[in-house]
């Protein structure tokens, strides 16, 4: 008996953004590797790429995650 069943049909109210097709889906239609989500609303899913860009920028600007300068200082 499988512990996890693969869900072939999405739940109503779960929204995803498909990276492959660049579209919003209700319920998971595409594989996990090709989508962001779930989001609570269609609007949140529509802005998935904006959210990802903002989070990437925050991460790139966070000094706790980037110690390359400290490593370069140690090498000199």
PDB file of N, CA and C in Angstrom:
ATOM      1  N   UNK A   1       0.840  -1.187   0.000  1.00  0.00           N
ATOM      2  CA  UNK A   1       0.000   0.000   0.000  1.00  0.00           C
ATOM      3  C   UNK A   1       0.882   1.246   0.000  1.00  0.00           C
ATOM      4  N   UNK A   2       0.622   2.145  -0.899  1.00  0.00           N
ATOM      5  CA  UNK A   2       1.423   3.368  -1.017  1.00  0.00           C
ATOM      6  C   UNK A   2       1.081   4.333   0.108  1.00  0.00           C
ATOM      7  N   UNK A   3       2.113   4.968   0.643  1.00  0.00           N
ATOM      8  CA  UNK A   3       1.890   5.963   1.689  1.00  0.00           C
ATOM      9  C   UNK A   3       1.325   7.250   1.126  1.00  0.00           C
ATOM     10  N   UNK A   4       1.759   7.593  -0.063  1.00  0.00           N
ATOM     11  CA  UNK A   4       1.317   8.831  -0.687  1.00  0.00           C
ATOM     12  C   UNK A   4       0.681   8.513  -2.027  1.00  0.00           C
ATOM     13  N   UNK A   5      -0.502   9.003  -2.218  1.00  0.00           N
ATOM     14  CA  UNK A   5      -1.168   8.805  -3.495  1.00  0.00           C
ATOM     15  C   UNK A   5      -0.943  10.029  -4.358  1.00  0.00           C
ATOM     16  N   UNK A   6      -0.637   9.796  -5.604  1.00  0.00           N
ATOM     17  CA  UNK A   6      -0.463  10.900  -6.535  1.00  0.00           C
ATOM     18  C   UNK A   6      -1.840  11.472  -6.862  1.00  0.00           C
ATOM     19  N   UNK A   7      -1.973  12.744  -6.619  1.00  0.00           N
ATOM     20  CA  UNK A   7      -3.236  13.396  -6.890  1.00  0.00           C
ATOM     21  C   UNK A   7      -3.287  13.774  -8.362  1.00  0.00           C
ATOM     22  N   UNK A   8      -4.271  13.277  -9.064  1.00  0.00           N
ATOM     23  CA  UNK A   8      -4.375  13.575 -10.486  1.00  0.00           C
ATOM     24  C   UNK A   8      -5.285  14.764 -10.750  1.00  0.00           C
ATOM     25  N   UNK A   9      -6.114  15.107  -9.796  1.00  0.00           N
ATOM     26  CA  UNK A   9      -7.029  16.226  -9.945  1.00  0.00           C
ATOM     27  C   UNK A   9      -6.767  17.205  -8.817  1.00  0.00           C
ATOM     28  N   UNK A  10      -6.716  18.473  -9.146  1.00  0.00           N
ATOM     29  CA  UNK A  10      -6.468  19.483  -8.132  1.00  0.00           C
ATOM     30  C   UNK A  10      -7.698  19.794  -7.314  1.00  0.00           C
ATOM     31  N   UNK A  11      -7.455  20.394  -6.163  1.00  0.00           N
ATOM     32  CA  UNK A  11      -8.555  20.835  -5.319  1.00  0.00           C
ATOM     33  C   UNK A  11      -9.038  22.195  -5.800  1.00  0.00           C
ATOM     34  N   UNK A  12     -10.325  22.406  -5.835  1.00  0.00           N
ATOM     35  CA  UNK A  12     -10.810  23.753  -6.138  1.00  0.00           C
ATOM     36  C   UNK A  12     -10.294  24.723  -5.083  1.00  0.00           C
ATOM     37  N   UNK A  13      -9.873  25.883  -5.527  1.00  0.00           N
ATOM     38  CA  UNK A  13      -9.363  26.880  -4.595  1.00  0.00           C
ATOM     39  C   UNK A  13      -7.860  26.843  -4.393  1.00  0.00           C
ATOM     40  N   UNK A  14      -7.182  25.843  -4.927  1.00  0.00           N
ATOM     41  CA  UNK A  14      -5.717  25.809  -4.899  1.00  0.00           C
ATOM     42  C   UNK A  14      -5.239  26.332  -6.240  1.00  0.00           C
ATOM     43  N   UNK A  15      -4.415  27.352  -6.202  1.00  0.00           N
ATOM     44  CA  UNK A  15      -3.943  27.985  -7.437  1.00  0.00           C
ATOM     45  C   UNK A  15      -2.449  27.803  -7.578  1.00  0.00           C
ATOM     46  N   UNK A  16      -2.007  27.561  -8.792  1.00  0.00           N
ATOM     47  CA  UNK A  16      -0.598  27.353  -9.097  1.00  0.00           C
ATOM     48  C   UNK A  16      -0.217  28.192 -10.308  1.00  0.00           C
ATOM     49  N   UNK A  17       1.087  28.480 -10.409  1.00  0.00           N
ATOM     50  CA  UNK A  17       1.608  29.134 -11.604  1.00  0.00           C
ATOM     51  C   UNK A  17       2.514  28.130 -12.294  1.00  0.00           C
ATOM     52  N   UNK A  18       2.191  27.770 -13.528  1.00  0.00           N
ATOM     53  CA  UNK A  18       2.984  26.813 -14.296  1.00  0.00           C
ATOM     54  C   UNK A  18       4.113  27.555 -15.009  1.00  0.00           C
ATOM     55  N   UNK A  19       5.345  27.173 -14.695  1.00  0.00           N
ATOM     56  CA  UNK A  19       6.515  27.788 -15.312  1.00  0.00           C
ATOM     57  C   UNK A  19       6.674  27.352 -16.766  1.00  0.00           C
ATOM     58  N   UNK A  20       6.277  26.142 -17.067  1.00  0.00           N
ATOM     59  CA  UNK A  20       6.397  25.604 -18.417  1.00  0.00           C
ATOM     60  C   UNK A  20       5.457  26.321 -19.390  1.00  0.00           C
ATOM     61  N   UNK A  21       4.211  26.485 -18.988  1.00  0.00           N
ATOM     62  CA  UNK A  21       3.204  27.076 -19.867  1.00  0.00           C
ATOM     63  C   UNK A  21       2.954  28.557 -19.585  1.00  0.00           C
ATOM     64  N   UNK A  22       3.572  29.066 -18.512  1.00  0.00           N
ATOM     65  CA  UNK A  22       3.434  30.470 -18.100  1.00  0.00           C
ATOM     66  C   UNK A  22       1.967  30.862 -17.970  1.00  0.00           C
ATOM     67  N   UNK A  23       1.252  30.045 -17.178  1.00  0.00           N
ATOM     68  CA  UNK A  23      -0.162  30.320 -16.965  1.00  0.00           C
ATOM     69  C   UNK A  23      -0.571  29.871 -15.572  1.00  0.00           C
ATOM     70  N   UNK A  24      -1.692  30.403 -15.116  1.00  0.00           N
ATOM     71  CA  UNK A  24      -2.253  30.051 -13.818  1.00  0.00           C
ATOM     72  C   UNK A  24      -3.148  28.835 -13.994  1.00  0.00           C
ATOM     73  N   UNK A  25      -3.063  27.909 -13.016  1.00  0.00           N
ATOM     74  CA  UNK A  25      -3.874  26.695 -13.045  1.00  0.00           C
ATOM     75  C   UNK A  25      -4.620  26.576 -11.719  1.00  0.00           C
ATOM     76  N   UNK A  26      -5.843  26.124 -11.773  1.00  0.00           N
ATOM     77  CA  UNK A  26      -6.557  25.794 -10.543  1.00  0.00           C
ATOM     78  C   UNK A  26      -6.337  24.311 -10.296  1.00  0.00           C
ATOM     79  N   UNK A  27      -5.717  24.014  -9.177  1.00  0.00           N
ATOM     80  CA  UNK A  27      -5.330  22.637  -8.905  1.00  0.00           C
ATOM     81  C   UNK A  27      -4.078  22.296  -9.682  1.00  0.00           C
ATOM     82  N   UNK A  28      -3.303  21.334  -9.216  1.00  0.00           N
ATOM     83  CA  UNK A  28      -2.077  21.002  -9.932  1.00  0.00           C
ATOM     84  C   UNK A  28      -2.379  20.252 -11.224  1.00  0.00           C
ATOM     85  N   UNK A  29      -2.043  20.870 -12.331  1.00  0.00           N
ATOM     86  CA  UNK A  29      -2.189  20.215 -13.629  1.00  0.00           C
ATOM     87  C   UNK A  29      -0.833  19.725 -14.126  1.00  0.00           C
ATOM     88  N   UNK A  30       0.203  20.503 -13.890  1.00  0.00           N
ATOM     89  CA  UNK A  30       1.549  20.174 -14.360  1.00  0.00           C
ATOM     90  C   UNK A  30       2.372  19.598 -13.206  1.00  0.00           C
ATOM     91  N   UNK A  31       3.494  18.934 -13.519  1.00  0.00           N
ATOM     92  CA  UNK A  31       4.341  18.342 -12.480  1.00  0.00           C
ATOM     93  C   UNK A  31       4.898  19.393 -11.514  1.00  0.00           C
ATOM     94  N   UNK A  32       5.218  18.953 -10.306  1.00  0.00           N
ATOM     95  CA  UNK A  32       5.765  19.839  -9.267  1.00  0.00           C
ATOM     96  C   UNK A  32       6.952  20.648  -9.756  1.00  0.00           C
ATOM     97  N   UNK A  33       7.819  20.013 -10.524  1.00  0.00           N
ATOM     98  CA  UNK A  33       9.045  20.690 -10.960  1.00  0.00           C
ATOM     99  C   UNK A  33       8.763  21.885 -11.865  1.00  0.00           C
ATOM    100  N   UNK A  34       7.567  21.958 -12.414  1.00  0.00           N
ATOM    101  CA  UNK A  34       7.227  23.015 -13.359  1.00  0.00           C
ATOM    102  C   UNK A  34       6.272  24.062 -12.808  1.00  0.00           C
ATOM    103  N   UNK A  35       6.091  24.102 -11.494  1.00  0.00           N
ATOM    104  CA  UNK A  35       5.101  25.054 -10.986  1.00  0.00           C
ATOM    105  C   UNK A  35       5.478  25.646  -9.639  1.00  0.00           C
ATOM    106  N   UNK A  36       4.915  26.810  -9.364  1.00  0.00           N
ATOM    107  CA  UNK A  36       4.974  27.461  -8.059  1.00  0.00           C
ATOM    108  C   UNK A  36       3.591  27.333  -7.440  1.00  0.00           C
ATOM    109  N   UNK A  37       3.530  27.188  -6.123  1.00  0.00           N
ATOM    110  CA  UNK A  37       2.244  27.169  -5.448  1.00  0.00           C
ATOM    111  C   UNK A  37       2.199  26.063  -4.425  1.00  0.00           C
ATOM    112  N   UNK A  38       1.096  25.906  -3.768  1.00  0.00           N
ATOM    113  CA  UNK A  38      -0.203  26.503  -4.056  1.00  0.00           C
ATOM    114  C   UNK A  38      -0.331  27.907  -3.476  1.00  0.00           C
ATOM    115  N   UNK A  39      -1.161  28.674  -4.117  1.00  0.00           N
ATOM    116  CA  UNK A  39      -1.524  30.013  -3.653  1.00  0.00           C
ATOM    117  C   UNK A  39      -2.991  29.995  -3.257  1.00  0.00           C
ATOM    118  N   UNK A  40      -3.354  30.876  -2.347  1.00  0.00           N
ATOM    119  CA  UNK A  40      -4.727  30.924  -1.846  1.00  0.00           C
ATOM    120  C   UNK A  40      -5.690  31.516  -2.865  1.00  0.00           C
ATOM    121  N   UNK A  41      -5.193  32.397  -3.722  1.00  0.00           N
ATOM    122  CA  UNK A  41      -6.076  33.057  -4.687  1.00  0.00           C
ATOM    123  C   UNK A  41      -5.450  33.033  -6.082  1.00  0.00           C
ATOM    124  N   UNK A  42      -6.290  33.216  -7.062  1.00  0.00           N
ATOM    125  CA  UNK A  42      -5.826  33.294  -8.447  1.00  0.00           C
ATOM    126  C   UNK A  42      -4.885  34.495  -8.622  1.00  0.00           C
ATOM    127  N   UNK A  43      -5.220  35.608  -7.981  1.00  0.00           N
ATOM    128  CA  UNK A  43      -4.397  36.815  -8.101  1.00  0.00           C
ATOM    129  C   UNK A  43      -2.987  36.581  -7.579  1.00  0.00           C
ATOM    130  N   UNK A  44      -2.859  35.885  -6.445  1.00  0.00           N
ATOM    131  CA  UNK A  44      -1.525  35.578  -5.917  1.00  0.00           C
ATOM    132  C   UNK A  44      -0.743  34.730  -6.918  1.00  0.00           C
ATOM    133  N   UNK A  45      -1.398  33.754  -7.517  1.00  0.00           N
ATOM    134  CA  UNK A  45      -0.729  32.898  -8.505  1.00  0.00           C
ATOM    135  C   UNK A  45      -0.326  33.696  -9.743  1.00  0.00           C
ATOM    136  N   UNK A  46      -1.162  34.656 -10.148  1.00  0.00           N
ATOM    137  CA  UNK A  46      -0.837  35.490 -11.312  1.00  0.00           C
ATOM    138  C   UNK A  46       0.427  36.306 -11.075  1.00  0.00           C
ATOM    139  N   UNK A  47       0.709  36.623  -9.814  1.00  0.00           N
ATOM    140  CA  UNK A  47       1.886  37.433  -9.471  1.00  0.00           C
ATOM    141  C   UNK A  47       3.042  36.583  -8.951  1.00  0.00           C
ATOM    142  N   UNK A  48       3.015  35.291  -9.237  1.00  0.00           N
ATOM    143  CA  UNK A  48       4.040  34.382  -8.721  1.00  0.00           C
ATOM    144  C   UNK A  48       5.447  34.785  -9.150  1.00  0.00           C
ATOM    145  N   UNK A  49       5.620  35.188 -10.391  1.00  0.00           N
ATOM    146  CA  UNK A  49       6.959  35.558 -10.859  1.00  0.00           C
ATOM    147  C   UNK A  49       7.433  36.847 -10.201  1.00  0.00           C
ATOM    148  N   UNK A  50       6.535  37.790  -9.955  1.00  0.00           N
ATOM    149  CA  UNK A  50       6.898  39.018  -9.239  1.00  0.00           C
ATOM    150  C   UNK A  50       7.331  38.683  -7.815  1.00  0.00           C
ATOM    151  N   UNK A  51       6.574  37.803  -7.169  1.00  0.00           N
ATOM    152  CA  UNK A  51       6.907  37.388  -5.804  1.00  0.00           C
ATOM    153  C   UNK A  51       8.273  36.712  -5.779  1.00  0.00           C
ATOM    154  N   UNK A  52       8.538  35.855  -6.745  1.00  0.00           N
ATOM    155  CA  UNK A  52       9.832  35.166  -6.808  1.00  0.00           C
ATOM    156  C   UNK A  52      10.971  36.161  -7.009  1.00  0.00           C
ATOM    157  N   UNK A  53      10.766  37.146  -7.899  1.00  0.00           N
ATOM    158  CA  UNK A  53      11.800  38.175  -8.122  1.00  0.00           C
ATOM    159  C   UNK A  53      12.074  38.958  -6.844  1.00  0.00           C
ATOM    160  N   UNK A  54      11.011  39.348  -6.139  1.00  0.00           N
ATOM    161  CA  UNK A  54      11.177  40.103  -4.891  1.00  0.00           C
ATOM    162  C   UNK A  54      11.928  39.283  -3.852  1.00  0.00           C
ATOM    163  N   UNK A  55      11.571  38.011  -3.725  1.00  0.00           N
ATOM    164  CA  UNK A  55      12.244  37.152  -2.740  1.00  0.00           C
ATOM    165  C   UNK A  55      13.699  36.922  -3.114  1.00  0.00           C
ATOM    166  N   UNK A  56      13.982  36.755  -4.409  1.00  0.00           N
ATOM    167  CA  UNK A  56      15.370  36.591  -4.848  1.00  0.00           C
ATOM    168  C   UNK A  56      16.190  37.837  -4.541  1.00  0.00           C
ATOM    169  N   UNK A  57      15.610  39.005  -4.779  1.00  0.00           N
ATOM    170  CA  UNK A  57      16.305  40.254  -4.488  1.00  0.00           C
ATOM    171  C   UNK A  57      16.583  40.380  -2.991  1.00  0.00           C
ATOM    172  N   UNK A  58      15.589  40.043  -2.170  1.00  0.00           N
ATOM    173  CA  UNK A  58      15.800  40.079  -0.717  1.00  0.00           C
ATOM    174  C   UNK A  58      16.927  39.135  -0.323  1.00  0.00           C
ATOM    175  N   UNK A  59      16.930  37.943  -0.891  1.00  0.00           N
ATOM    176  CA  UNK A  59      17.960  36.968  -0.563  1.00  0.00           C
ATOM    177  C   UNK A  59      19.330  37.459  -1.011  1.00  0.00           C
ATOM    178  N   UNK A  60      19.409  38.006  -2.219  1.00  0.00           N
ATOM    179  CA  UNK A  60      20.685  38.493  -2.739  1.00  0.00           C
ATOM    180  C   UNK A  60      21.215  39.670  -1.924  1.00  0.00           C
ATOM    181  N   UNK A  61      20.313  40.413  -1.295  1.00  0.00           N
ATOM    182  CA  UNK A  61      20.705  41.579  -0.517  1.00  0.00           C
ATOM    183  C   UNK A  61      20.928  41.262   0.957  1.00  0.00           C
ATOM    184  N   UNK A  62      20.669  40.060   1.376  1.00  0.00           N
ATOM    185  CA  UNK A  62      20.768  39.680   2.783  1.00  0.00           C
ATOM    186  C   UNK A  62      22.211  39.313   3.124  1.00  0.00           C
ATOM    187  N   UNK A  63      22.860  40.100   3.975  1.00  0.00           N
ATOM    188  CA  UNK A  63      24.269  39.825   4.297  1.00  0.00           C
ATOM    189  C   UNK A  63      24.470  38.501   5.041  1.00  0.00           C
ATOM    190  N   UNK A  64      23.445  37.979   5.683  1.00  0.00           N
ATOM    191  CA  UNK A  64      23.586  36.698   6.386  1.00  0.00           C
ATOM    192  C   UNK A  64      23.835  35.552   5.412  1.00  0.00           C
ATOM    193  N   UNK A  65      23.389  35.696   4.170  1.00  0.00           N
ATOM    194  CA  UNK A  65      23.508  34.621   3.200  1.00  0.00           C
ATOM    195  C   UNK A  65      24.691  34.789   2.270  1.00  0.00           C
ATOM    196  N   UNK A  66      25.363  35.910   2.331  1.00  0.00           N
ATOM    197  CA  UNK A  66      26.474  36.148   1.424  1.00  0.00           C
ATOM    198  C   UNK A  66      27.720  36.536   2.209  1.00  0.00           C
ATOM    199  N   UNK A  67      28.583  35.589   2.372  1.00  0.00           N
ATOM    200  CA  UNK A  67      29.826  35.859   3.077  1.00  0.00           C
ATOM    201  C   UNK A  67      31.017  35.789   2.131  1.00  0.00           C
ATOM    202  N   UNK A  68      30.772  35.967   0.838  1.00  0.00           N
ATOM    203  CA  UNK A  68      31.848  35.923  -0.152  1.00  0.00           C
ATOM    204  C   UNK A  68      32.875  37.010   0.130  1.00  0.00           C
ATOM    205  N   UNK A  69      32.433  38.197   0.530  1.00  0.00           N
ATOM    206  CA  UNK A  69      33.366  39.274   0.838  1.00  0.00           C
ATOM    207  C   UNK A  69      34.277  38.868   1.989  1.00  0.00           C
ATOM    208  N   UNK A  70      33.713  38.254   2.998  1.00  0.00           N
ATOM    209  CA  UNK A  70      34.512  37.803   4.142  1.00  0.00           C
ATOM    210  C   UNK A  70      35.534  36.766   3.696  1.00  0.00           C
ATOM    211  N   UNK A  71      35.149  35.857   2.815  1.00  0.00           N
ATOM    212  CA  UNK A  71      36.098  34.857   2.325  1.00  0.00           C
ATOM    213  C   UNK A  71      37.200  35.504   1.500  1.00  0.00           C
ATOM    214  N   UNK A  72      36.862  36.496   0.679  1.00  0.00           N
ATOM    215  CA  UNK A  72      37.858  37.174  -0.119  1.00  0.00           C
ATOM    216  C   UNK A  72      38.833  37.940   0.774  1.00  0.00           C
ATOM    217  N   UNK A  73      38.331  38.535   1.851  1.00  0.00           N
ATOM    218  CA  UNK A  73      39.201  39.249   2.791  1.00  0.00           C
ATOM    219  C   UNK A  73      40.181  38.291   3.458  1.00  0.00           C
ATOM    220  N   UNK A  74      39.735  37.060   3.751  1.00  0.00           N
ATOM    221  CA  UNK A  74      40.593  36.079   4.393  1.00  0.00           C
ATOM    222  C   UNK A  74      41.710  35.598   3.474  1.00  0.00           C
ATOM    223  N   UNK A  75      41.444  35.604   2.157  1.00  0.00           N
ATOM    224  CA  UNK A  75      42.410  35.097   1.201  1.00  0.00           C
ATOM    225  C   UNK A  75      43.536  36.108   0.938  1.00  0.00           C
ATOM    226  N   UNK A  76      43.314  37.370   1.202  1.00  0.00           N
ATOM    227  CA  UNK A  76      44.335  38.358   0.900  1.00  0.00           C
ATOM    228  C   UNK A  76      45.297  38.560   2.032  1.00  0.00           C
TER     229      UNK A  76
END
